[in-house]
Amino acid sequence: MFGVDSSELAVVAILALIFIGPKDLPKVMRTVGYWVGRVRGMARHFTAGIEDMVRQAELEEMEKRWREENERIMRLHPANADYPEPGQPDMMPPIAQPEAPEEELPPEKRPLP
């Protein structure tokens, strides 16, 4: 947990038993447990606050990118443009065909297919 080996923990427990005494040891351990719990709770609260700030920053960045992409799309496809209704045939004019038939041109003047 804090880099404390089991043998080091045993030494601390024996020293606590010697200096505190068996009579007061349960009370001291209860107090130590209470304060360790409070410190862990504060650390958890602090960590949750930091993670919330990071999430908010990421959300703001995503919203900024979304707004920029939305503006780019709106520039490409303005809302007031005349688009065909879904399901309606496209009303595009037919592509103009060349007026001179290819048979009348000599072979060297004909366009390549």
Protein backbone atom coordinates (compact mmCIF):
# COMPACT_ATOMS: atom_id res chain seq x y z
CA MET A 1 0.00 0.00 0.00
CA PHE A 2 2.52 2.66 1.10
CA GLY A 3 5.58 0.52 0.42
CA VAL A 4 5.26 -1.11 3.86
CA ASP A 5 6.29 -4.74 3.95
CA SER A 6 4.53 -7.23 6.25
CA SER A 7 7.62 -7.51 8.48
CA GLU A 8 7.75 -3.71 8.87
CA LEU A 9 4.05 -3.69 9.72
CA ALA A 10 4.64 -6.37 12.37
CA VAL A 11 7.41 -4.25 13.93
CA VAL A 12 5.12 -1.22 14.05
CA ALA A 13 2.35 -3.32 15.66
CA ILE A 14 4.72 -4.67 18.34
CA LEU A 15 6.06 -1.16 19.08
CA ALA A 16 2.50 0.17 19.33
CA LEU A 17 1.61 -2.64 21.75
CA ILE A 18 4.67 -1.84 23.88
CA PHE A 19 4.36 1.98 23.95
CA ILE A 20 0.56 2.34 23.93
CA GLY A 21 -0.29 -0.76 25.92
CA PRO A 22 -2.92 -3.43 25.38
CA LYS A 23 -5.55 -1.45 27.30
CA ASP A 24 -5.53 1.67 25.07
CA LEU A 25 -4.56 -0.01 21.80
CA PRO A 26 -8.16 -0.66 20.56
CA LYS A 27 -9.11 2.99 21.20
CA VAL A 28 -6.01 4.25 19.39
CA MET A 29 -6.60 1.89 16.44
CA ARG A 30 -10.23 3.05 16.20
CA THR A 31 -9.07 6.70 16.18
CA VAL A 32 -6.39 5.96 13.59
CA GLY A 33 -8.96 4.13 11.44
CA TYR A 34 -11.34 7.09 11.70
CA TRP A 35 -8.69 9.55 10.54
CA VAL A 36 -7.47 7.27 7.76
CA GLY A 37 -11.07 7.01 6.54
CA ARG A 38 -11.45 10.79 6.60
CA VAL A 39 -8.21 11.28 4.65
CA ARG A 40 -9.27 8.68 2.08
CA GLY A 41 -12.66 10.38 1.74
CA MET A 42 -11.01 13.77 1.16
CA ALA A 43 -8.62 12.23 -1.38
CA ARG A 44 -11.55 10.57 -3.18
CA HIS A 45 -13.45 13.88 -3.20
CA PHE A 46 -10.39 15.72 -4.55
CA THR A 47 -9.83 13.09 -7.25
CA ALA A 48 -13.49 13.22 -8.28
CA GLY A 49 -13.26 17.02 -8.54
CA ILE A 50 -10.18 16.84 -10.75
CA GLU A 51 -11.79 14.18 -12.98
CA ASP A 52 -14.92 16.34 -13.27
CA MET A 53 -12.83 19.35 -14.35
CA VAL A 54 -11.05 17.20 -16.97
CA ARG A 55 -14.40 15.89 -18.24
CA GLN A 56 -15.76 19.44 -18.50
CA ALA A 57 -12.66 20.58 -20.43
CA GLU A 58 -12.98 17.64 -22.83
CA LEU A 59 -16.69 18.36 -23.30
CA GLU A 60 -15.98 22.03 -24.07
CA GLU A 61 -13.32 21.00 -26.59
CA MET A 62 -15.74 18.57 -28.27
CA GLU A 63 -18.46 21.26 -28.39
CA LYS A 64 -15.99 23.71 -29.94
CA ARG A 65 -15.01 21.17 -32.63
CA TRP A 66 -18.70 20.38 -33.24
CA ARG A 67 -19.52 24.09 -33.66
CA GLU A 68 -16.61 24.57 -36.11
CA GLU A 69 -17.66 21.51 -38.15
CA ASN A 70 -21.28 22.64 -38.11
CA GLU A 71 -20.29 26.11 -39.37
CA ARG A 72 -18.19 24.53 -42.13
CA ILE A 73 -21.10 22.34 -43.22
CA MET A 74 -23.50 25.29 -43.13
CA ARG A 75 -21.12 27.29 -45.35
CA LEU A 76 -21.03 24.41 -47.86
CA HIS A 77 -24.78 23.81 -47.73
CA PRO A 78 -26.64 27.02 -46.82
CA ALA A 79 -30.10 26.70 -45.32
CA ASN A 80 -31.76 28.99 -47.90
CA ALA A 81 -30.58 26.94 -50.93
CA ASP A 82 -33.17 25.20 -53.13
CA TYR A 83 -32.70 21.49 -52.64
CA PRO A 84 -35.08 18.90 -54.13
CA GLU A 85 -37.50 17.34 -51.68
CA PRO A 86 -36.62 13.80 -50.60
CA GLY A 87 -38.21 11.28 -52.94
CA GLN A 88 -38.63 13.81 -55.78
CA PRO A 89 -36.72 13.31 -59.04
CA ASP A 90 -33.72 15.51 -59.51
CA MET A 91 -34.66 18.56 -61.61
CA MET A 92 -31.15 19.09 -62.99
CA PRO A 93 -31.01 20.19 -66.63
CA PRO A 94 -29.66 17.54 -69.01
CA ILE A 95 -26.00 17.71 -69.91
CA ALA A 96 -25.48 19.43 -73.27
CA GLN A 97 -24.38 17.12 -76.07
CA PRO A 98 -21.85 18.22 -78.69
CA GLU A 99 -23.65 19.66 -81.68
CA ALA A 100 -21.36 18.34 -84.38
CA PRO A 101 -21.81 14.62 -84.97
CA GLU A 102 -18.61 12.62 -84.80
CA GLU A 103 -19.15 11.05 -88.26
CA GLU A 104 -18.57 14.36 -90.00
CA LEU A 105 -15.18 14.95 -88.34
CA PRO A 106 -12.09 13.34 -89.81
CA PRO A 107 -10.62 10.59 -87.59
CA GLU A 108 -7.65 12.72 -86.47
CA LYS A 109 -10.03 15.51 -85.25
CA ARG A 110 -12.40 13.25 -83.33
CA PRO A 111 -12.12 13.37 -79.54
CA LEU A 112 -10.70 10.35 -77.77
CA PRO A 113 -13.27 8.15 -76.02
